[in-house]
Amino acid sequence: MPSTLTHLVSRFTEAFTASLEASADRALTPFIESLRGVAHGLAQPHLHPHRDHPALSFLEQATGAARADERLCTAIRALLPYLSFGSSYAAEGSMAAVSRGMVWAEVVGRTGLVRDSSRRIGCFLLAPGHFYPLHGHIPDEIYFVVSGPLTVEHGLRGARVAIPPGGYYHTPSGQPHALHVGDQPVLLAYSWVGDFDAPIWFLEKDGDGGWSKNFPTVVRR
């Protein structure tokens, strides 16, 4: 008989898969295949489910406002007590503002409930008013908006698109993008496929109007 945690992880991946399949977008096939390959039976609880982080004060509000497919919303709510949230960047220094406004937790991955170095699947919480600056990475990424909306700025020209709950944004490998959050917290289901060891870079304009890459220190991968 499967454990409770195995069942909860299975419900989450199945609901996430169904939400992506409903889009009929062939570009999402790698994410769907990744979700289907999760070994649910390997799920193990963490000793410290939640970390002390200011963005987590918005978690209850975000889950209460969830408006995506109800199967996915229900699956995420059931998993939350088991997830270990943390930020990617140090709470002091140049990345402090970014660090304070965002946390993520893996359901499947190197730090996930299912330990799997070949997959990264989980939940991402953004605080109201948060700005995640223009950045890029080698892995392809999918954000599925559970509560929001989320505004994504893509490319170097500042084009923006608003993604409502139940919608998604696919970031191809290497595409610069930034995240803008309004007055409501944003909760996302996410997945990466590709080279997870490649560094994330941030883009900054230099004095000549060009762009330069900055590679901040990542404290949690």
Foldseek 3Di string as FASTA:
>chain_A
DADPQLVLLLLQLVVVLVLVVVVVDPVCVVVNVLSVPAPSSQFDFDPDAEDDAQLCVQVVVQLVQFDAPPSNSVSCVVCNSRWYKAFFADCDDPCNLVRRFKIWTFCEDCRHSRHDPQWGKTKMKGAAFRKFAKKFAAWKKKWAWRQFWKWKQWAPVRDIDIAHHSGMDIDHGGTIMMIGGHRHMTMTIMITHDDPPTFMWGWDQDPVRDIDTDGHHTPDD
